[in-house]
Amino acid sequence: MSKEYISPTGTDWDDFEKEIFTSEEIAESDLRVAIIGELIKARQERGITQKQLEEMSGVRQPVIARLETGTTDPRLNTVMKILYSLGKTLVIKDI
């Protein structure tokens, strides 16, 4: 049986998140997490290290590490270099 997180204020995370963030901020965060997750998955599926990805993409390993941990907001051209090196591209579609 899983327990739902209840904060000291009596609200769960989803309610708390909606109180402090706008819907646009939540959508932006969700998109960032999804992109980072796909980058990590693609790298791991290919069995390559961050250092190997650096050699393939020209993006320094520390930048890749910060991107994968979510501690930085990378520039779009950085994301595109990494995606291309992993045989991926970015697609924009209607939601």
PDB file of N, CA and C in Angstrom:
ATOM      1  N   MET A   1       0.844  -1.161   0.000  1.00  0.00           N
ATOM      2  CA  MET A   1       0.000   0.000   0.000  1.00  0.00           C
ATOM      3  C   MET A   1       0.901   1.240   0.000  1.00  0.00           C
ATOM      4  N   SER A   2       0.766   2.099  -1.014  1.00  0.00           N
ATOM      5  CA  SER A   2       1.598   3.296  -1.073  1.00  0.00           C
ATOM      6  C   SER A   2       0.927   4.425  -0.302  1.00  0.00           C
ATOM      7  N   LYS A   3       1.767   5.236   0.283  1.00  0.00           N
ATOM      8  CA  LYS A   3       1.254   6.367   1.040  1.00  0.00           C
ATOM      9  C   LYS A   3       1.350   7.621   0.191  1.00  0.00           C
ATOM     10  N   GLU A   4       0.335   8.430   0.233  1.00  0.00           N
ATOM     11  CA  GLU A   4       0.334   9.704  -0.467  1.00  0.00           C
ATOM     12  C   GLU A   4       1.035  10.720   0.420  1.00  0.00           C
ATOM     13  N   TYR A   5       1.898  11.529  -0.200  1.00  0.00           N
ATOM     14  CA  TYR A   5       2.606  12.547   0.571  1.00  0.00           C
ATOM     15  C   TYR A   5       1.625  13.621   1.015  1.00  0.00           C
ATOM     16  N   ILE A   6       1.594  13.873   2.288  1.00  0.00           N
ATOM     17  CA  ILE A   6       0.791  14.962   2.843  1.00  0.00           C
ATOM     18  C   ILE A   6       1.746  15.887   3.576  1.00  0.00           C
ATOM     19  N   SER A   7       1.747  17.140   3.160  1.00  0.00           N
ATOM     20  CA  SER A   7       2.659  18.100   3.773  1.00  0.00           C
ATOM     21  C   SER A   7       2.136  18.513   5.148  1.00  0.00           C
ATOM     22  N   PRO A   8       2.988  19.189   5.920  1.00  0.00           N
ATOM     23  CA  PRO A   8       2.539  19.676   7.232  1.00  0.00           C
ATOM     24  C   PRO A   8       1.343  20.622   7.140  1.00  0.00           C
ATOM     25  N   THR A   9       1.148  21.223   5.957  1.00  0.00           N
ATOM     26  CA  THR A   9       0.008  22.127   5.799  1.00  0.00           C
ATOM     27  C   THR A   9      -1.266  21.379   5.440  1.00  0.00           C
ATOM     28  N   GLY A  10      -1.147  20.035   5.266  1.00  0.00           N
ATOM     29  CA  GLY A  10      -2.332  19.242   4.998  1.00  0.00           C
ATOM     30  C   GLY A  10      -2.669  19.078   3.528  1.00  0.00           C
ATOM     31  N   THR A  11      -1.786  19.503   2.637  1.00  0.00           N
ATOM     32  CA  THR A  11      -2.057  19.353   1.213  1.00  0.00           C
ATOM     33  C   THR A  11      -1.079  18.358   0.605  1.00  0.00           C
ATOM     34  N   ASP A  12      -1.498  17.697  -0.478  1.00  0.00           N
ATOM     35  CA  ASP A  12      -0.572  16.804  -1.170  1.00  0.00           C
ATOM     36  C   ASP A  12       0.269  17.624  -2.144  1.00  0.00           C
ATOM     37  N   TRP A  13       1.283  16.985  -2.745  1.00  0.00           N
ATOM     38  CA  TRP A  13       2.222  17.717  -3.600  1.00  0.00           C
ATOM     39  C   TRP A  13       1.524  18.377  -4.774  1.00  0.00           C
ATOM     40  N   ASP A  14       0.591  17.688  -5.442  1.00  0.00           N
ATOM     41  CA  ASP A  14      -0.085  18.264  -6.601  1.00  0.00           C
ATOM     42  C   ASP A  14      -0.832  19.540  -6.236  1.00  0.00           C
ATOM     43  N   ASP A  15      -1.525  19.528  -5.108  1.00  0.00           N
ATOM     44  CA  ASP A  15      -2.236  20.731  -4.669  1.00  0.00           C
ATOM     45  C   ASP A  15      -1.253  21.840  -4.310  1.00  0.00           C
ATOM     46  N   PHE A  16      -0.197  21.476  -3.594  1.00  0.00           N
ATOM     47  CA  PHE A  16       0.812  22.456  -3.203  1.00  0.00           C
ATOM     48  C   PHE A  16       1.469  23.066  -4.427  1.00  0.00           C
ATOM     49  N   GLU A  17       1.824  22.224  -5.413  1.00  0.00           N
ATOM     50  CA  GLU A  17       2.459  22.682  -6.643  1.00  0.00           C
ATOM     51  C   GLU A  17       1.568  23.700  -7.354  1.00  0.00           C
ATOM     52  N   LYS A  18       0.279  23.414  -7.420  1.00  0.00           N
ATOM     53  CA  LYS A  18      -0.666  24.311  -8.091  1.00  0.00           C
ATOM     54  C   LYS A  18      -0.816  25.638  -7.358  1.00  0.00           C
ATOM     55  N   GLU A  19      -0.571  25.620  -6.048  1.00  0.00           N
ATOM     56  CA  GLU A  19      -0.676  26.852  -5.264  1.00  0.00           C
ATOM     57  C   GLU A  19       0.508  27.782  -5.492  1.00  0.00           C
ATOM     58  N   ILE A  20       1.693  27.218  -5.721  1.00  0.00           N
ATOM     59  CA  ILE A  20       2.873  28.073  -5.797  1.00  0.00           C
ATOM     60  C   ILE A  20       3.390  28.297  -7.217  1.00  0.00           C
ATOM     61  N   PHE A  21       2.968  27.465  -8.176  1.00  0.00           N
ATOM     62  CA  PHE A  21       3.423  27.613  -9.552  1.00  0.00           C
ATOM     63  C   PHE A  21       2.243  27.858 -10.476  1.00  0.00           C
ATOM     64  N   THR A  22       2.494  28.615 -11.551  1.00  0.00           N
ATOM     65  CA  THR A  22       1.454  28.804 -12.560  1.00  0.00           C
ATOM     66  C   THR A  22       1.391  27.556 -13.421  1.00  0.00           C
ATOM     67  N   SER A  23       0.318  27.402 -14.161  1.00  0.00           N
ATOM     68  CA  SER A  23       0.196  26.239 -15.044  1.00  0.00           C
ATOM     69  C   SER A  23       1.292  26.254 -16.111  1.00  0.00           C
ATOM     70  N   GLU A  24       1.719  27.437 -16.537  1.00  0.00           N
ATOM     71  CA  GLU A  24       2.800  27.551 -17.515  1.00  0.00           C
ATOM     72  C   GLU A  24       4.126  27.072 -16.916  1.00  0.00           C
ATOM     73  N   GLU A  25       4.380  27.421 -15.662  1.00  0.00           N
ATOM     74  CA  GLU A  25       5.614  26.977 -15.002  1.00  0.00           C
ATOM     75  C   GLU A  25       5.624  25.459 -14.821  1.00  0.00           C
ATOM     76  N   ILE A  26       4.487  24.899 -14.490  1.00  0.00           N
ATOM     77  CA  ILE A  26       4.387  23.449 -14.324  1.00  0.00           C
ATOM     78  C   ILE A  26       4.611  22.763 -15.665  1.00  0.00           C
ATOM     79  N   ALA A  27       3.992  23.276 -16.728  1.00  0.00           N
ATOM     80  CA  ALA A  27       4.161  22.688 -18.063  1.00  0.00           C
ATOM     81  C   ALA A  27       5.613  22.784 -18.520  1.00  0.00           C
ATOM     82  N   GLU A  28       6.254  23.911 -18.261  1.00  0.00           N
ATOM     83  CA  GLU A  28       7.661  24.090 -18.623  1.00  0.00           C
ATOM     84  C   GLU A  28       8.547  23.093 -17.877  1.00  0.00           C
ATOM     85  N   SER A  29       8.294  22.932 -16.607  1.00  0.00           N
ATOM     86  CA  SER A  29       9.064  21.986 -15.806  1.00  0.00           C
ATOM     87  C   SER A  29       8.855  20.553 -16.296  1.00  0.00           C
ATOM     88  N   ASP A  30       7.616  20.200 -16.577  1.00  0.00           N
ATOM     89  CA  ASP A  30       7.313  18.853 -17.069  1.00  0.00           C
ATOM     90  C   ASP A  30       8.013  18.585 -18.395  1.00  0.00           C
ATOM     91  N   LEU A  31       8.036  19.589 -19.277  1.00  0.00           N
ATOM     92  CA  LEU A  31       8.701  19.442 -20.571  1.00  0.00           C
ATOM     93  C   LEU A  31      10.207  19.288 -20.392  1.00  0.00           C
ATOM     94  N   ARG A  32      10.796  20.084 -19.526  1.00  0.00           N
ATOM     95  CA  ARG A  32      12.236  19.991 -19.254  1.00  0.00           C
ATOM     96  C   ARG A  32      12.597  18.604 -18.725  1.00  0.00           C
ATOM     97  N   VAL A  33      11.809  18.102 -17.797  1.00  0.00           N
ATOM     98  CA  VAL A  33      12.046  16.765 -17.233  1.00  0.00           C
ATOM     99  C   VAL A  33      11.921  15.700 -18.320  1.00  0.00           C
ATOM    100  N   ALA A  34      10.935  15.832 -19.193  1.00  0.00           N
ATOM    101  CA  ALA A  34      10.745  14.847 -20.266  1.00  0.00           C
ATOM    102  C   ALA A  34      11.920  14.849 -21.239  1.00  0.00           C
ATOM    103  N   ILE A  35      12.397  16.027 -21.620  1.00  0.00           N
ATOM    104  CA  ILE A  35      13.533  16.118 -22.551  1.00  0.00           C
ATOM    105  C   ILE A  35      14.786  15.534 -21.914  1.00  0.00           C
ATOM    106  N   ILE A  36      15.062  15.903 -20.680  1.00  0.00           N
ATOM    107  CA  ILE A  36      16.243  15.380 -19.988  1.00  0.00           C
ATOM    108  C   ILE A  36      16.148  13.859 -19.867  1.00  0.00           C
ATOM    109  N   GLY A  37      14.976  13.367 -19.523  1.00  0.00           N
ATOM    110  CA  GLY A  37      14.779  11.928 -19.404  1.00  0.00           C
ATOM    111  C   GLY A  37      15.044  11.209 -20.713  1.00  0.00           C
ATOM    112  N   GLU A  38      14.602  11.787 -21.820  1.00  0.00           N
ATOM    113  CA  GLU A  38      14.835  11.174 -23.132  1.00  0.00           C
ATOM    114  C   GLU A  38      16.312  11.198 -23.502  1.00  0.00           C
ATOM    115  N   LEU A  39      17.010  12.277 -23.162  1.00  0.00           N
ATOM    116  CA  LEU A  39      18.446  12.351 -23.438  1.00  0.00           C
ATOM    117  C   LEU A  39      19.201  11.274 -22.663  1.00  0.00           C
ATOM    118  N   ILE A  40      18.888  11.154 -21.387  1.00  0.00           N
ATOM    119  CA  ILE A  40      19.546  10.140 -20.547  1.00  0.00           C
ATOM    120  C   ILE A  40      19.246   8.743 -21.087  1.00  0.00           C
ATOM    121  N   LYS A  41      17.983   8.489 -21.402  1.00  0.00           N
ATOM    122  CA  LYS A  41      17.573   7.178 -21.912  1.00  0.00           C
ATOM    123  C   LYS A  41      18.313   6.848 -23.208  1.00  0.00           C
ATOM    124  N   ALA A  42      18.395   7.805 -24.127  1.00  0.00           N
ATOM    125  CA  ALA A  42      19.065   7.568 -25.412  1.00  0.00           C
ATOM    126  C   ALA A  42      20.550   7.287 -25.205  1.00  0.00           C
ATOM    127  N   ARG A  43      21.187   8.023 -24.311  1.00  0.00           N
ATOM    128  CA  ARG A  43      22.608   7.800 -24.040  1.00  0.00           C
ATOM    129  C   ARG A  43      22.830   6.418 -23.432  1.00  0.00           C
ATOM    130  N   GLN A  44      22.008   6.069 -22.462  1.00  0.00           N
ATOM    131  CA  GLN A  44      22.157   4.777 -21.793  1.00  0.00           C
ATOM    132  C   GLN A  44      21.831   3.609 -22.719  1.00  0.00           C
ATOM    133  N   GLU A  45      20.823   3.760 -23.582  1.00  0.00           N
ATOM    134  CA  GLU A  45      20.477   2.705 -24.532  1.00  0.00           C
ATOM    135  C   GLU A  45      21.634   2.423 -25.489  1.00  0.00           C
ATOM    136  N   ARG A  46      22.416   3.445 -25.781  1.00  0.00           N
ATOM    137  CA  ARG A  46      23.563   3.283 -26.670  1.00  0.00           C
ATOM    138  C   ARG A  46      24.805   2.829 -25.911  1.00  0.00           C
ATOM    139  N   GLY A  47      24.684   2.770 -24.583  1.00  0.00           N
ATOM    140  CA  GLY A  47      25.788   2.293 -23.756  1.00  0.00           C
ATOM    141  C   GLY A  47      27.002   3.198 -23.789  1.00  0.00           C
ATOM    142  N   ILE A  48      26.763   4.502 -23.897  1.00  0.00           N
ATOM    143  CA  ILE A  48      27.896   5.428 -23.931  1.00  0.00           C
ATOM    144  C   ILE A  48      27.939   6.267 -22.660  1.00  0.00           C
ATOM    145  N   THR A  49      29.143   6.647 -22.298  1.00  0.00           N
ATOM    146  CA  THR A  49      29.343   7.479 -21.112  1.00  0.00           C
ATOM    147  C   THR A  49      29.150   8.945 -21.477  1.00  0.00           C
ATOM    148  N   GLN A  50      29.064   9.762 -20.453  1.00  0.00           N
ATOM    149  CA  GLN A  50      28.988  11.200 -20.695  1.00  0.00           C
ATOM    150  C   GLN A  50      30.251  11.679 -21.408  1.00  0.00           C
ATOM    151  N   LYS A  51      31.396  11.115 -21.060  1.00  0.00           N
ATOM    152  CA  LYS A  51      32.657  11.495 -21.697  1.00  0.00           C
ATOM    153  C   LYS A  51      32.632  11.130 -23.184  1.00  0.00           C
ATOM    154  N   GLN A  52      32.109   9.961 -23.513  1.00  0.00           N
ATOM    155  CA  GLN A  52      31.995   9.571 -24.919  1.00  0.00           C
ATOM    156  C   GLN A  52      31.036  10.492 -25.660  1.00  0.00           C
ATOM    157  N   LEU A  53      29.958  10.883 -24.993  1.00  0.00           N
ATOM    158  CA  LEU A  53      29.006  11.810 -25.601  1.00  0.00           C
ATOM    159  C   LEU A  53      29.665  13.162 -25.832  1.00  0.00           C
ATOM    160  N   GLU A  54      30.543  13.573 -24.929  1.00  0.00           N
ATOM    161  CA  GLU A  54      31.299  14.809 -25.123  1.00  0.00           C
ATOM    162  C   GLU A  54      32.094  14.736 -26.427  1.00  0.00           C
ATOM    163  N   GLU A  55      32.767  13.618 -26.633  1.00  0.00           N
ATOM    164  CA  GLU A  55      33.584  13.446 -27.836  1.00  0.00           C
ATOM    165  C   GLU A  55      32.730  13.447 -29.097  1.00  0.00           C
ATOM    166  N   MET A  56      31.540  12.885 -28.997  1.00  0.00           N
ATOM    167  CA  MET A  56      30.643  12.811 -30.153  1.00  0.00           C
ATOM    168  C   MET A  56      29.990  14.146 -30.477  1.00  0.00           C
ATOM    169  N   SER A  57      29.651  14.906 -29.431  1.00  0.00           N
ATOM    170  CA  SER A  57      28.833  16.112 -29.618  1.00  0.00           C
ATOM    171  C   SER A  57      29.607  17.419 -29.546  1.00  0.00           C
ATOM    172  N   GLY A  58      30.769  17.382 -28.906  1.00  0.00           N
ATOM    173  CA  GLY A  58      31.500  18.625 -28.689  1.00  0.00           C
ATOM    174  C   GLY A  58      31.014  19.389 -27.469  1.00  0.00           C
ATOM    175  N   VAL A  59      30.015  18.846 -26.767  1.00  0.00           N
ATOM    176  CA  VAL A  59      29.504  19.463 -25.540  1.00  0.00           C
ATOM    177  C   VAL A  59      30.288  18.869 -24.383  1.00  0.00           C
ATOM    178  N   ARG A  60      30.895  19.711 -23.577  1.00  0.00           N
ATOM    179  CA  ARG A  60      31.759  19.228 -22.498  1.00  0.00           C
ATOM    180  C   ARG A  60      31.001  18.354 -21.503  1.00  0.00           C
ATOM    181  N   GLN A  61      31.687  17.345 -20.985  1.00  0.00           N
ATOM    182  CA  GLN A  61      31.083  16.389 -20.055  1.00  0.00           C
ATOM    183  C   GLN A  61      30.464  17.062 -18.835  1.00  0.00           C
ATOM    184  N   PRO A  62      31.103  18.068 -18.215  1.00  0.00           N
ATOM    185  CA  PRO A  62      30.454  18.701 -17.066  1.00  0.00           C
ATOM    186  C   PRO A  62      29.112  19.361 -17.426  1.00  0.00           C
ATOM    187  N   VAL A  63      29.016  19.872 -18.642  1.00  0.00           N
ATOM    188  CA  VAL A  63      27.755  20.475 -19.096  1.00  0.00           C
ATOM    189  C   VAL A  63      26.697  19.384 -19.238  1.00  0.00           C
ATOM    190  N   ILE A  64      27.099  18.240 -19.803  1.00  0.00           N
ATOM    191  CA  ILE A  64      26.180  17.100 -19.942  1.00  0.00           C
ATOM    192  C   ILE A  64      25.720  16.631 -18.564  1.00  0.00           C
ATOM    193  N   ALA A  65      26.645  16.549 -17.617  1.00  0.00           N
ATOM    194  CA  ALA A  65      26.296  16.110 -16.258  1.00  0.00           C
ATOM    195  C   ALA A  65      25.303  17.075 -15.618  1.00  0.00           C
ATOM    196  N   ARG A  66      25.550  18.369 -15.743  1.00  0.00           N
ATOM    197  CA  ARG A  66      24.620  19.359 -15.162  1.00  0.00           C
ATOM    198  C   ARG A  66      23.259  19.291 -15.832  1.00  0.00           C
ATOM    199  N   LEU A  67      23.254  19.061 -17.144  1.00  0.00           N
ATOM    200  CA  LEU A  67      21.992  18.929 -17.864  1.00  0.00           C
ATOM    201  C   LEU A  67      21.222  17.714 -17.356  1.00  0.00           C
ATOM    202  N   GLU A  68      21.928  16.582 -17.221  1.00  0.00           N
ATOM    203  CA  GLU A  68      21.267  15.343 -16.797  1.00  0.00           C
ATOM    204  C   GLU A  68      20.766  15.400 -15.359  1.00  0.00           C
ATOM    205  N   THR A  69      21.407  16.178 -14.520  1.00  0.00           N
ATOM    206  CA  THR A  69      20.932  16.294 -13.129  1.00  0.00           C
ATOM    207  C   THR A  69      19.917  17.410 -12.968  1.00  0.00           C
ATOM    208  N   GLY A  70      19.706  18.181 -14.024  1.00  0.00           N
ATOM    209  CA  GLY A  70      18.720  19.253 -13.968  1.00  0.00           C
ATOM    210  C   GLY A  70      19.188  20.486 -13.233  1.00  0.00           C
ATOM    211  N   THR A  71      20.499  20.629 -13.052  1.00  0.00           N
ATOM    212  CA  THR A  71      21.012  21.779 -12.313  1.00  0.00           C
ATOM    213  C   THR A  71      21.296  22.975 -13.208  1.00  0.00           C
ATOM    214  N   THR A  72      20.998  22.848 -14.497  1.00  0.00           N
ATOM    215  CA  THR A  72      21.199  23.951 -15.417  1.00  0.00           C
ATOM    216  C   THR A  72      20.101  23.947 -16.463  1.00  0.00           C
ATOM    217  N   ASP A  73      19.853  25.092 -17.024  1.00  0.00           N
ATOM    218  CA  ASP A  73      18.941  25.206 -18.158  1.00  0.00           C
ATOM    219  C   ASP A  73      19.797  25.392 -19.399  1.00  0.00           C
ATOM    220  N   PRO A  74      19.998  24.321 -20.162  1.00  0.00           N
ATOM    221  CA  PRO A  74      20.892  24.414 -21.313  1.00  0.00           C
ATOM    222  C   PRO A  74      20.293  25.243 -22.442  1.00  0.00           C
ATOM    223  N   ARG A  75      21.163  25.774 -23.253  1.00  0.00           N
ATOM    224  CA  ARG A  75      20.725  26.495 -24.434  1.00  0.00           C
ATOM    225  C   ARG A  75      20.191  25.486 -25.442  1.00  0.00           C
ATOM    226  N   LEU A  76      19.309  25.934 -26.291  1.00  0.00           N
ATOM    227  CA  LEU A  76      18.704  25.055 -27.281  1.00  0.00           C
ATOM    228  C   LEU A  76      19.759  24.445 -28.199  1.00  0.00           C
ATOM    229  N   ASN A  77      20.763  25.223 -28.602  1.00  0.00           N
ATOM    230  CA  ASN A  77      21.774  24.657 -29.497  1.00  0.00           C
ATOM    231  C   ASN A  77      22.576  23.555 -28.805  1.00  0.00           C
ATOM    232  N   THR A  78      22.747  23.626 -27.494  1.00  0.00           N
ATOM    233  CA  THR A  78      23.419  22.560 -26.748  1.00  0.00           C
ATOM    234  C   THR A  78      22.581  21.289 -26.778  1.00  0.00           C
ATOM    235  N   VAL A  79      21.298  21.424 -26.527  1.00  0.00           N
ATOM    236  CA  VAL A  79      20.393  20.270 -26.566  1.00  0.00           C
ATOM    237  C   VAL A  79      20.392  19.657 -27.966  1.00  0.00           C
ATOM    238  N   MET A  80      20.371  20.504 -28.993  1.00  0.00           N
ATOM    239  CA  MET A  80      20.341  20.003 -30.366  1.00  0.00           C
ATOM    240  C   MET A  80      21.620  19.247 -30.721  1.00  0.00           C
ATOM    241  N   LYS A  81      22.774  19.730 -30.270  1.00  0.00           N
ATOM    242  CA  LYS A  81      24.044  19.025 -30.513  1.00  0.00           C
ATOM    243  C   LYS A  81      24.022  17.638 -29.886  1.00  0.00           C
ATOM    244  N   ILE A  82      23.529  17.567 -28.675  1.00  0.00           N
ATOM    245  CA  ILE A  82      23.476  16.283 -27.976  1.00  0.00           C
ATOM    246  C   ILE A  82      22.480  15.354 -28.661  1.00  0.00           C
ATOM    247  N   LEU A  83      21.295  15.865 -28.971  1.00  0.00           N
ATOM    248  CA  LEU A  83      20.286  15.050 -29.643  1.00  0.00           C
ATOM    249  C   LEU A  83      20.817  14.492 -30.959  1.00  0.00           C
ATOM    250  N   TYR A  84      21.430  15.338 -31.766  1.00  0.00           N
ATOM    251  CA  TYR A  84      21.953  14.908 -33.058  1.00  0.00           C
ATOM    252  C   TYR A  84      22.983  13.799 -32.882  1.00  0.00           C
ATOM    253  N   SER A  85      23.853  13.961 -31.903  1.00  0.00           N
ATOM    254  CA  SER A  85      24.879  12.952 -31.647  1.00  0.00           C
ATOM    255  C   SER A  85      24.284  11.618 -31.215  1.00  0.00           C
ATOM    256  N   LEU A  86      23.100  11.663 -30.637  1.00  0.00           N
ATOM    257  CA  LEU A  86      22.413  10.451 -30.190  1.00  0.00           C
ATOM    258  C   LEU A  86      21.443   9.907 -31.243  1.00  0.00           C
ATOM    259  N   GLY A  87      21.446  10.537 -32.432  1.00  0.00           N
ATOM    260  CA  GLY A  87      20.547  10.091 -33.495  1.00  0.00           C
ATOM    261  C   GLY A  87      19.112  10.501 -33.266  1.00  0.00           C
ATOM    262  N   LYS A  88      18.928  11.602 -32.547  1.00  0.00           N
ATOM    263  CA  LYS A  88      17.586  12.093 -32.215  1.00  0.00           C
ATOM    264  C   LYS A  88      17.412  13.505 -32.761  1.00  0.00           C
ATOM    265  N   THR A  89      16.181  13.967 -32.789  1.00  0.00           N
ATOM    266  CA  THR A  89      15.887  15.339 -33.145  1.00  0.00           C
ATOM    267  C   THR A  89      14.736  15.831 -32.271  1.00  0.00           C
ATOM    268  N   LEU A  90      14.515  17.106 -32.308  1.00  0.00           N
ATOM    269  CA  LEU A  90      13.430  17.717 -31.545  1.00  0.00           C
ATOM    270  C   LEU A  90      12.249  17.946 -32.481  1.00  0.00           C
ATOM    271  N   VAL A  91      11.067  17.527 -32.067  1.00  0.00           N
ATOM    272  CA  VAL A  91       9.871  17.684 -32.872  1.00  0.00           C
ATOM    273  C   VAL A  91       8.893  18.564 -32.109  1.00  0.00           C
ATOM    274  N   ILE A  92       8.314  19.513 -32.808  1.00  0.00           N
ATOM    275  CA  ILE A  92       7.311  20.375 -32.188  1.00  0.00           C
ATOM    276  C   ILE A  92       5.957  19.979 -32.770  1.00  0.00           C
ATOM    277  N   LYS A  93       5.021  19.695 -31.880  1.00  0.00           N
ATOM    278  CA  LYS A  93       3.703  19.284 -32.335  1.00  0.00           C
ATOM    279  C   LYS A  93       2.633  19.917 -31.467  1.00  0.00           C
ATOM    280  N   ASP A  94       1.436  19.944 -31.966  1.00  0.00           N
ATOM    281  CA  ASP A  94       0.295  20.466 -31.204  1.00  0.00           C
ATOM    282  C   ASP A  94       0.015  19.551 -30.024  1.00  0.00           C
ATOM    283  N   ILE A  95      -0.401  20.169 -28.920  1.00  0.00           N
ATOM    284  CA  ILE A  95      -0.770  19.368 -27.748  1.00  0.00           C
ATOM    285  C   ILE A  95      -2.262  19.353 -27.566  1.00  0.00           C
TER     286      ILE A  95
END
